[in-house]
Amino acid sequence: MSSEEVLEVRIDRHVFVSDRPFANVISGIYEGISQPDIETLFGELAASTTYGQLSSLVRQAQGSAGLMRFLQLDLSTVLALDPGAPEEARRRLVRLIAGNPVTMGQMTRHLPDAGSYAPVTILIQELPDGRTRIAYDTVSSAIGGYGTSPAAQVAEHLDSEVLGLLRKASGVARPASH
């Protein structure tokens, strides 16, 4: 019998506001996220005949935070041309989609729904006062409702790597409460 179920998912969003300019922050993020030719890389990954070969290709392609850029969406292009957008909205706004196929596989082999949250999204926004805002939704919070599992451990490690990179790129220290 077919069915539909609605699950409530709680998400923890980390928001960093940096005094650093947008270009410096995005450059700092790319110090930890590689920018491979994704089409070529995915072709090589698809041609892999063993998990070891696939893992090796991913390790070679990933950045120091264990991630690679899959897609960068420049959302500000639309805002710049939208006559109805307020002036303060006409600033740089980039959605960075980054991931690691091996990490995604380690999560989804235990919890297929984790595939909804990997690769991750990092939203980088230039604020009107010249500061930069970064938003990141943790994978561990998104899959937290499924209970503890090996997928949750992988997600926590992934979040730790991403948050460390964002703190470094933004110059924002880890909050004392964590």
N, C-alpha and C. Protein backbone atom coordinates (compact mmCIF):
# COMPACT_ATOMS: atom_id res chain seq x y z
N MET A 1 0.84 -1.17 0.00
CA MET A 1 0.00 0.00 0.00
C MET A 1 0.89 1.25 0.00
N SER A 2 0.60 2.18 -0.85
CA SER A 2 1.34 3.45 -0.93
C SER A 2 0.96 4.33 0.24
N SER A 3 1.89 5.20 0.62
CA SER A 3 1.59 6.09 1.74
C SER A 3 2.46 7.34 1.66
N GLU A 4 2.08 8.31 2.44
CA GLU A 4 2.87 9.54 2.61
C GLU A 4 3.01 9.80 4.09
N GLU A 5 4.21 10.14 4.51
CA GLU A 5 4.47 10.43 5.90
C GLU A 5 5.14 11.80 5.98
N VAL A 6 4.78 12.57 6.97
CA VAL A 6 5.41 13.86 7.19
C VAL A 6 6.24 13.77 8.47
N LEU A 7 7.53 14.00 8.32
CA LEU A 7 8.43 13.98 9.47
C LEU A 7 8.87 15.40 9.78
N GLU A 8 8.88 15.75 11.03
CA GLU A 8 9.36 17.06 11.43
C GLU A 8 10.86 16.95 11.66
N VAL A 9 11.62 17.81 10.98
CA VAL A 9 13.08 17.78 11.05
C VAL A 9 13.55 19.07 11.70
N ARG A 10 14.30 18.93 12.79
CA ARG A 10 14.85 20.10 13.47
C ARG A 10 16.24 20.36 12.90
N ILE A 11 16.51 21.59 12.53
CA ILE A 11 17.79 21.97 11.94
C ILE A 11 18.48 23.00 12.82
N ASP A 12 19.76 22.78 13.07
CA ASP A 12 20.59 23.79 13.74
C ASP A 12 21.31 24.58 12.67
N ARG A 13 21.05 25.87 12.63
CA ARG A 13 21.72 26.76 11.68
C ARG A 13 22.76 27.56 12.43
N HIS A 14 24.00 27.46 11.97
CA HIS A 14 25.08 28.28 12.51
C HIS A 14 25.21 29.51 11.62
N VAL A 15 25.19 30.68 12.23
CA VAL A 15 25.31 31.93 11.50
C VAL A 15 26.54 32.67 12.02
N PHE A 16 27.41 32.99 11.10
CA PHE A 16 28.63 33.72 11.41
C PHE A 16 28.51 35.10 10.78
N VAL A 17 28.82 36.13 11.52
CA VAL A 17 28.90 37.48 10.95
C VAL A 17 30.34 37.92 11.14
N SER A 18 30.99 38.16 10.02
CA SER A 18 32.41 38.48 10.01
C SER A 18 32.64 39.93 9.63
N ASP A 19 33.65 40.52 10.23
CA ASP A 19 34.07 41.86 9.85
C ASP A 19 34.85 41.84 8.54
N ARG A 20 35.22 40.66 8.08
CA ARG A 20 36.00 40.53 6.85
C ARG A 20 35.13 40.77 5.63
N PRO A 21 35.69 41.34 4.58
CA PRO A 21 34.93 41.56 3.35
C PRO A 21 34.55 40.23 2.69
N PHE A 22 33.50 40.27 1.90
CA PHE A 22 32.96 39.10 1.22
C PHE A 22 34.04 38.34 0.46
N ALA A 23 34.84 39.03 -0.34
CA ALA A 23 35.86 38.38 -1.16
C ALA A 23 36.88 37.63 -0.29
N ASN A 24 37.24 38.19 0.85
CA ASN A 24 38.19 37.52 1.74
C ASN A 24 37.58 36.27 2.37
N VAL A 25 36.30 36.37 2.75
CA VAL A 25 35.64 35.22 3.38
C VAL A 25 35.49 34.08 2.38
N ILE A 26 35.01 34.38 1.20
CA ILE A 26 34.81 33.31 0.22
C ILE A 26 36.16 32.70 -0.19
N SER A 27 37.18 33.52 -0.27
CA SER A 27 38.52 33.02 -0.56
C SER A 27 39.00 32.10 0.56
N GLY A 28 38.74 32.48 1.80
CA GLY A 28 39.10 31.66 2.95
C GLY A 28 38.38 30.33 2.96
N ILE A 29 37.13 30.34 2.53
CA ILE A 29 36.38 29.08 2.45
C ILE A 29 36.99 28.18 1.40
N TYR A 30 37.38 28.77 0.27
CA TYR A 30 37.98 27.96 -0.79
C TYR A 30 39.40 27.49 -0.45
N GLU A 31 39.98 27.98 0.62
CA GLU A 31 41.26 27.42 1.07
C GLU A 31 41.07 26.01 1.59
N GLY A 32 39.86 25.67 2.02
CA GLY A 32 39.58 24.33 2.55
C GLY A 32 38.69 23.48 1.66
N ILE A 33 38.14 24.08 0.62
CA ILE A 33 37.26 23.35 -0.31
C ILE A 33 37.89 23.42 -1.69
N SER A 34 38.18 22.27 -2.26
CA SER A 34 38.80 22.27 -3.58
C SER A 34 37.77 22.64 -4.64
N GLN A 35 38.26 23.04 -5.79
CA GLN A 35 37.40 23.43 -6.91
C GLN A 35 37.79 22.62 -8.15
N PRO A 36 37.60 21.30 -8.10
CA PRO A 36 38.00 20.49 -9.25
C PRO A 36 37.06 20.70 -10.43
N ASP A 37 37.50 20.27 -11.59
CA ASP A 37 36.60 20.20 -12.74
C ASP A 37 35.64 19.06 -12.42
N ILE A 38 34.47 19.39 -11.92
CA ILE A 38 33.56 18.40 -11.36
C ILE A 38 33.05 17.42 -12.42
N GLU A 39 32.84 17.89 -13.64
CA GLU A 39 32.38 17.00 -14.70
C GLU A 39 33.42 15.92 -15.00
N THR A 40 34.67 16.33 -15.11
CA THR A 40 35.75 15.37 -15.35
C THR A 40 35.89 14.42 -14.17
N LEU A 41 35.87 14.97 -12.96
CA LEU A 41 36.02 14.13 -11.76
C LEU A 41 34.89 13.11 -11.68
N PHE A 42 33.65 13.53 -11.88
CA PHE A 42 32.53 12.59 -11.79
C PHE A 42 32.62 11.52 -12.88
N GLY A 43 33.15 11.88 -14.03
CA GLY A 43 33.39 10.88 -15.07
C GLY A 43 34.40 9.84 -14.62
N GLU A 44 35.47 10.31 -13.98
CA GLU A 44 36.49 9.40 -13.45
C GLU A 44 35.92 8.54 -12.33
N LEU A 45 35.11 9.13 -11.46
CA LEU A 45 34.50 8.36 -10.38
C LEU A 45 33.56 7.29 -10.93
N ALA A 46 32.79 7.64 -11.96
CA ALA A 46 31.87 6.68 -12.57
C ALA A 46 32.62 5.54 -13.24
N ALA A 47 33.83 5.80 -13.72
CA ALA A 47 34.63 4.78 -14.39
C ALA A 47 35.40 3.91 -13.39
N SER A 48 35.37 4.27 -12.10
CA SER A 48 36.07 3.48 -11.09
C SER A 48 35.50 2.07 -11.05
N THR A 49 36.39 1.12 -10.84
CA THR A 49 35.94 -0.28 -10.79
C THR A 49 36.03 -0.85 -9.38
N THR A 50 36.67 -0.12 -8.46
CA THR A 50 36.74 -0.57 -7.07
C THR A 50 36.48 0.61 -6.14
N TYR A 51 36.06 0.29 -4.93
CA TYR A 51 35.84 1.33 -3.93
C TYR A 51 37.16 2.01 -3.58
N GLY A 52 38.24 1.25 -3.54
CA GLY A 52 39.56 1.81 -3.26
C GLY A 52 39.97 2.83 -4.29
N GLN A 53 39.71 2.53 -5.55
CA GLN A 53 40.04 3.46 -6.64
C GLN A 53 39.19 4.73 -6.52
N LEU A 54 37.90 4.58 -6.25
CA LEU A 54 37.01 5.72 -6.09
C LEU A 54 37.47 6.57 -4.91
N SER A 55 37.75 5.94 -3.78
CA SER A 55 38.19 6.67 -2.58
C SER A 55 39.48 7.43 -2.83
N SER A 56 40.39 6.82 -3.56
CA SER A 56 41.66 7.47 -3.87
C SER A 56 41.45 8.71 -4.72
N LEU A 57 40.58 8.62 -5.73
CA LEU A 57 40.28 9.78 -6.58
C LEU A 57 39.67 10.92 -5.76
N VAL A 58 38.78 10.57 -4.84
CA VAL A 58 38.14 11.59 -3.99
C VAL A 58 39.18 12.24 -3.08
N ARG A 59 40.04 11.43 -2.45
CA ARG A 59 41.08 11.99 -1.57
C ARG A 59 41.98 12.97 -2.32
N GLN A 60 42.32 12.63 -3.56
CA GLN A 60 43.17 13.51 -4.37
C GLN A 60 42.46 14.82 -4.72
N ALA A 61 41.15 14.76 -4.87
CA ALA A 61 40.38 15.92 -5.33
C ALA A 61 39.89 16.82 -4.19
N GLN A 62 39.80 16.30 -2.98
CA GLN A 62 39.20 17.06 -1.89
C GLN A 62 40.14 18.12 -1.34
N GLY A 63 39.56 19.14 -0.72
CA GLY A 63 40.33 20.18 -0.07
C GLY A 63 40.70 19.77 1.34
N SER A 64 41.36 20.66 2.06
CA SER A 64 41.83 20.34 3.42
C SER A 64 40.70 20.06 4.40
N ALA A 65 39.50 20.57 4.13
CA ALA A 65 38.33 20.30 4.98
C ALA A 65 37.60 19.04 4.52
N GLY A 66 38.19 18.32 3.56
CA GLY A 66 37.58 17.08 3.09
C GLY A 66 36.45 17.28 2.11
N LEU A 67 36.32 18.49 1.56
CA LEU A 67 35.21 18.81 0.67
C LEU A 67 35.70 19.31 -0.68
N MET A 68 34.81 19.21 -1.65
CA MET A 68 35.05 19.80 -2.96
C MET A 68 33.78 20.52 -3.40
N ARG A 69 33.96 21.55 -4.20
CA ARG A 69 32.81 22.31 -4.70
C ARG A 69 32.12 21.49 -5.78
N PHE A 70 30.82 21.30 -5.60
CA PHE A 70 30.01 20.68 -6.64
C PHE A 70 29.34 21.75 -7.50
N LEU A 71 28.93 22.85 -6.84
CA LEU A 71 28.20 23.90 -7.54
C LEU A 71 28.27 25.19 -6.75
N GLN A 72 28.39 26.30 -7.45
CA GLN A 72 28.32 27.61 -6.82
C GLN A 72 27.24 28.40 -7.54
N LEU A 73 26.21 28.75 -6.79
CA LEU A 73 25.09 29.50 -7.34
C LEU A 73 25.21 30.95 -6.92
N ASP A 74 25.32 31.85 -7.88
CA ASP A 74 25.41 33.28 -7.58
C ASP A 74 24.00 33.83 -7.59
N LEU A 75 23.37 33.83 -6.42
CA LEU A 75 21.98 34.27 -6.28
C LEU A 75 21.84 35.78 -6.46
N SER A 76 22.94 36.50 -6.31
CA SER A 76 22.89 37.95 -6.41
C SER A 76 22.66 38.43 -7.84
N THR A 77 22.91 37.60 -8.82
CA THR A 77 22.68 38.00 -10.22
C THR A 77 21.22 38.36 -10.42
N VAL A 78 20.32 37.54 -9.90
CA VAL A 78 18.89 37.80 -10.03
C VAL A 78 18.51 39.04 -9.25
N LEU A 79 19.04 39.15 -8.02
CA LEU A 79 18.70 40.31 -7.19
C LEU A 79 19.17 41.62 -7.82
N ALA A 80 20.31 41.60 -8.46
CA ALA A 80 20.85 42.82 -9.07
C ALA A 80 19.96 43.32 -10.21
N LEU A 81 19.28 42.40 -10.87
CA LEU A 81 18.44 42.77 -12.00
C LEU A 81 16.96 42.97 -11.63
N ASP A 82 16.60 42.59 -10.42
CA ASP A 82 15.21 42.66 -9.98
C ASP A 82 14.87 44.09 -9.57
N PRO A 83 14.02 44.78 -10.36
CA PRO A 83 13.70 46.17 -10.01
C PRO A 83 12.93 46.29 -8.70
N GLY A 84 12.31 45.20 -8.25
CA GLY A 84 11.56 45.23 -7.00
C GLY A 84 12.39 44.94 -5.77
N ALA A 85 13.64 44.51 -5.96
CA ALA A 85 14.50 44.18 -4.82
C ALA A 85 14.99 45.46 -4.16
N PRO A 86 14.89 45.56 -2.84
CA PRO A 86 15.42 46.75 -2.16
C PRO A 86 16.93 46.83 -2.34
N GLU A 87 17.46 48.02 -2.27
CA GLU A 87 18.90 48.24 -2.50
C GLU A 87 19.77 47.37 -1.60
N GLU A 88 19.37 47.21 -0.32
CA GLU A 88 20.19 46.41 0.60
C GLU A 88 20.21 44.92 0.21
N ALA A 89 19.26 44.48 -0.60
CA ALA A 89 19.24 43.09 -1.07
C ALA A 89 20.14 42.88 -2.28
N ARG A 90 20.60 43.97 -2.87
CA ARG A 90 21.42 43.88 -4.09
C ARG A 90 22.90 43.75 -3.78
N ARG A 91 23.21 42.89 -2.89
CA ARG A 91 24.58 42.60 -2.48
C ARG A 91 24.91 41.17 -2.90
N ARG A 92 26.18 40.82 -2.82
CA ARG A 92 26.60 39.46 -3.18
C ARG A 92 25.91 38.44 -2.29
N LEU A 93 25.39 37.39 -2.89
CA LEU A 93 24.75 36.29 -2.18
C LEU A 93 25.06 35.02 -2.96
N VAL A 94 25.84 34.14 -2.34
CA VAL A 94 26.30 32.94 -3.02
C VAL A 94 25.91 31.72 -2.21
N ARG A 95 25.36 30.74 -2.90
CA ARG A 95 25.07 29.44 -2.29
C ARG A 95 26.11 28.46 -2.81
N LEU A 96 26.91 27.97 -1.90
CA LEU A 96 27.98 27.04 -2.24
C LEU A 96 27.53 25.64 -1.84
N ILE A 97 27.54 24.73 -2.80
CA ILE A 97 27.16 23.34 -2.55
C ILE A 97 28.43 22.52 -2.65
N ALA A 98 28.81 21.93 -1.52
CA ALA A 98 30.08 21.21 -1.44
C ALA A 98 29.88 19.88 -0.75
N GLY A 99 30.71 18.94 -1.11
CA GLY A 99 30.56 17.63 -0.49
C GLY A 99 31.74 16.73 -0.77
N ASN A 100 31.52 15.48 -0.43
CA ASN A 100 32.52 14.45 -0.60
C ASN A 100 31.75 13.15 -0.84
N PRO A 101 31.87 12.54 -2.02
CA PRO A 101 31.11 11.33 -2.33
C PRO A 101 31.35 10.19 -1.34
N VAL A 102 32.56 10.07 -0.81
CA VAL A 102 32.86 8.99 0.14
C VAL A 102 32.12 9.25 1.46
N THR A 103 32.18 10.48 1.94
CA THR A 103 31.47 10.84 3.17
C THR A 103 29.97 10.61 3.00
N MET A 104 29.42 11.03 1.87
CA MET A 104 28.00 10.82 1.60
C MET A 104 27.67 9.34 1.62
N GLY A 105 28.53 8.54 1.02
CA GLY A 105 28.31 7.09 1.01
C GLY A 105 28.37 6.49 2.40
N GLN A 106 29.29 6.98 3.24
CA GLN A 106 29.40 6.47 4.61
C GLN A 106 28.14 6.77 5.41
N MET A 107 27.49 7.89 5.12
CA MET A 107 26.25 8.22 5.84
C MET A 107 25.06 7.44 5.26
N THR A 108 24.92 7.45 3.95
CA THR A 108 23.71 6.87 3.35
C THR A 108 23.69 5.34 3.39
N ARG A 109 24.83 4.70 3.57
CA ARG A 109 24.81 3.24 3.68
C ARG A 109 24.09 2.84 4.97
N HIS A 110 24.11 3.72 5.98
CA HIS A 110 23.45 3.45 7.26
C HIS A 110 22.09 4.14 7.36
N LEU A 111 21.95 5.26 6.67
CA LEU A 111 20.72 6.04 6.74
C LEU A 111 20.49 6.72 5.40
N PRO A 112 19.73 6.09 4.51
CA PRO A 112 19.53 6.66 3.18
C PRO A 112 19.02 8.10 3.19
N ASP A 113 18.21 8.48 4.19
CA ASP A 113 17.70 9.85 4.25
C ASP A 113 18.80 10.89 4.44
N ALA A 114 19.97 10.48 4.88
CA ALA A 114 21.09 11.42 5.03
C ALA A 114 21.49 12.01 3.68
N GLY A 115 21.14 11.32 2.60
CA GLY A 115 21.42 11.83 1.26
C GLY A 115 20.69 13.12 0.94
N SER A 116 19.67 13.45 1.72
CA SER A 116 18.96 14.72 1.52
C SER A 116 19.77 15.90 2.02
N TYR A 117 20.80 15.64 2.83
CA TYR A 117 21.55 16.72 3.47
C TYR A 117 23.02 16.74 3.06
N ALA A 118 23.39 15.85 2.17
CA ALA A 118 24.77 15.81 1.66
C ALA A 118 24.66 15.75 0.15
N PRO A 119 25.30 16.63 -0.58
CA PRO A 119 26.28 17.60 -0.12
C PRO A 119 25.65 18.72 0.71
N VAL A 120 26.52 19.47 1.37
CA VAL A 120 26.07 20.53 2.26
C VAL A 120 25.94 21.85 1.49
N THR A 121 25.20 22.76 2.10
CA THR A 121 25.05 24.11 1.55
C THR A 121 25.65 25.11 2.52
N ILE A 122 26.43 26.02 1.96
CA ILE A 122 26.97 27.15 2.72
C ILE A 122 26.49 28.41 2.01
N LEU A 123 25.80 29.27 2.73
CA LEU A 123 25.27 30.51 2.16
C LEU A 123 26.14 31.67 2.63
N ILE A 124 26.68 32.42 1.68
CA ILE A 124 27.58 33.53 1.99
C ILE A 124 26.95 34.81 1.46
N GLN A 125 26.77 35.79 2.35
CA GLN A 125 26.06 37.02 2.01
C GLN A 125 26.88 38.25 2.37
N GLU A 126 26.97 39.15 1.44
CA GLU A 126 27.60 40.44 1.72
C GLU A 126 26.55 41.34 2.36
N LEU A 127 26.86 41.87 3.53
CA LEU A 127 25.93 42.74 4.23
C LEU A 127 26.13 44.19 3.80
N PRO A 128 25.09 45.03 3.94
CA PRO A 128 25.20 46.44 3.50
C PRO A 128 26.34 47.21 4.16
N ASP A 129 26.73 46.82 5.37
CA ASP A 129 27.79 47.55 6.06
C ASP A 129 29.19 47.03 5.73
N GLY A 130 29.29 46.12 4.75
CA GLY A 130 30.58 45.60 4.32
C GLY A 130 31.01 44.33 5.03
N ARG A 131 30.27 43.93 6.06
CA ARG A 131 30.58 42.68 6.72
C ARG A 131 30.03 41.51 5.89
N THR A 132 30.33 40.31 6.32
CA THR A 132 29.90 39.12 5.60
C THR A 132 29.19 38.17 6.55
N ARG A 133 28.08 37.62 6.09
CA ARG A 133 27.28 36.67 6.88
C ARG A 133 27.38 35.31 6.21
N ILE A 134 27.61 34.28 7.02
CA ILE A 134 27.67 32.91 6.53
C ILE A 134 26.64 32.10 7.30
N ALA A 135 25.87 31.26 6.60
CA ALA A 135 24.90 30.38 7.25
C ALA A 135 25.17 28.94 6.83
N TYR A 136 25.11 28.04 7.81
CA TYR A 136 25.34 26.62 7.56
C TYR A 136 24.40 25.81 8.45
N ASP A 137 23.64 24.91 7.83
CA ASP A 137 22.75 24.01 8.55
C ASP A 137 23.47 22.69 8.77
N THR A 138 23.58 22.27 10.03
CA THR A 138 24.34 21.06 10.32
C THR A 138 23.60 19.80 9.86
N VAL A 139 24.36 18.90 9.30
CA VAL A 139 23.83 17.61 8.86
C VAL A 139 23.43 16.79 10.08
N SER A 140 24.24 16.85 11.13
CA SER A 140 23.94 16.06 12.33
C SER A 140 22.59 16.43 12.93
N SER A 141 22.23 17.71 12.90
CA SER A 141 20.91 18.09 13.43
C SER A 141 19.80 17.59 12.51
N ALA A 142 20.02 17.63 11.22
CA ALA A 142 19.00 17.20 10.26
C ALA A 142 18.69 15.71 10.38
N ILE A 143 19.70 14.92 10.69
CA ILE A 143 19.46 13.48 10.81
C ILE A 143 19.33 13.04 12.27
N GLY A 144 19.37 13.99 13.19
CA GLY A 144 19.29 13.68 14.62
C GLY A 144 18.02 12.96 15.03
N GLY A 145 16.93 13.21 14.36
CA GLY A 145 15.66 12.57 14.69
C GLY A 145 15.63 11.08 14.40
N TYR A 146 16.62 10.59 13.71
CA TYR A 146 16.67 9.16 13.37
C TYR A 146 17.41 8.35 14.44
N GLY A 147 17.89 9.02 15.49
CA GLY A 147 18.61 8.32 16.55
C GLY A 147 20.09 8.21 16.24
N THR A 148 20.81 7.64 17.17
CA THR A 148 22.25 7.49 16.96
C THR A 148 22.51 6.32 16.03
N SER A 149 23.47 6.53 15.19
CA SER A 149 23.86 5.51 14.23
C SER A 149 25.25 5.86 13.72
N PRO A 150 25.86 4.95 12.99
CA PRO A 150 27.14 5.32 12.37
C PRO A 150 27.01 6.55 11.47
N ALA A 151 25.83 6.74 10.86
CA ALA A 151 25.62 7.92 10.01
C ALA A 151 25.73 9.20 10.82
N ALA A 152 25.22 9.19 12.05
CA ALA A 152 25.29 10.37 12.91
C ALA A 152 26.74 10.71 13.26
N GLN A 153 27.57 9.70 13.47
CA GLN A 153 28.98 9.93 13.77
C GLN A 153 29.69 10.56 12.58
N VAL A 154 29.39 10.08 11.38
CA VAL A 154 29.99 10.67 10.16
C VAL A 154 29.52 12.11 10.01
N ALA A 155 28.22 12.35 10.24
CA ALA A 155 27.67 13.70 10.12
C ALA A 155 28.31 14.66 11.12
N GLU A 156 28.53 14.21 12.34
CA GLU A 156 29.17 15.06 13.35
C GLU A 156 30.59 15.42 12.94
N HIS A 157 31.31 14.47 12.37
CA HIS A 157 32.67 14.76 11.89
C HIS A 157 32.62 15.76 10.73
N LEU A 158 31.70 15.55 9.80
CA LEU A 158 31.53 16.46 8.66
C LEU A 158 31.23 17.88 9.17
N ASP A 159 30.27 17.99 10.08
CA ASP A 159 29.91 19.30 10.62
C ASP A 159 31.11 19.96 11.31
N SER A 160 31.87 19.18 12.03
CA SER A 160 33.05 19.71 12.72
C SER A 160 34.05 20.29 11.72
N GLU A 161 34.28 19.59 10.62
CA GLU A 161 35.20 20.06 9.58
C GLU A 161 34.68 21.36 8.94
N VAL A 162 33.40 21.37 8.59
CA VAL A 162 32.81 22.54 7.93
C VAL A 162 32.81 23.73 8.88
N LEU A 163 32.37 23.54 10.12
CA LEU A 163 32.32 24.64 11.07
C LEU A 163 33.72 25.18 11.38
N GLY A 164 34.69 24.30 11.46
CA GLY A 164 36.08 24.75 11.67
C GLY A 164 36.55 25.62 10.53
N LEU A 165 36.24 25.20 9.31
CA LEU A 165 36.61 25.98 8.12
C LEU A 165 35.91 27.34 8.13
N LEU A 166 34.62 27.36 8.45
CA LEU A 166 33.87 28.63 8.44
C LEU A 166 34.36 29.57 9.54
N ARG A 167 34.72 29.01 10.69
CA ARG A 167 35.27 29.86 11.76
C ARG A 167 36.59 30.48 11.32
N LYS A 168 37.42 29.68 10.68
CA LYS A 168 38.71 30.19 10.22
C LYS A 168 38.52 31.25 9.13
N ALA A 169 37.66 30.98 8.16
CA ALA A 169 37.44 31.92 7.06
C ALA A 169 36.80 33.23 7.53
N SER A 170 35.94 33.14 8.54
CA SER A 170 35.23 34.33 9.01
C SER A 170 35.98 35.07 10.11
N GLY A 171 36.90 34.37 10.78
CA GLY A 171 37.58 34.98 11.93
C GLY A 171 36.73 35.01 13.17
N VAL A 172 35.64 34.24 13.18
CA VAL A 172 34.74 34.19 14.32
C VAL A 172 35.17 33.02 15.21
N ALA A 173 35.37 33.30 16.49
CA ALA A 173 35.79 32.26 17.43
C ALA A 173 34.62 31.35 17.77
N ARG A 174 34.97 30.14 18.17
CA ARG A 174 33.96 29.17 18.61
C ARG A 174 33.24 29.74 19.82
N PRO A 175 31.91 29.61 19.88
CA PRO A 175 31.18 30.14 21.04
C PRO A 175 31.57 29.40 22.32
N ALA A 176 31.60 30.13 23.43
CA ALA A 176 32.02 29.56 24.70
C ALA A 176 31.08 28.46 25.19
N SER A 177 29.82 28.48 24.78
CA SER A 177 28.83 27.53 25.29
C SER A 177 28.96 26.14 24.68
N HIS A 178 29.80 25.97 23.66
CA HIS A 178 29.91 24.65 23.03
C HIS A 178 31.15 23.94 23.45
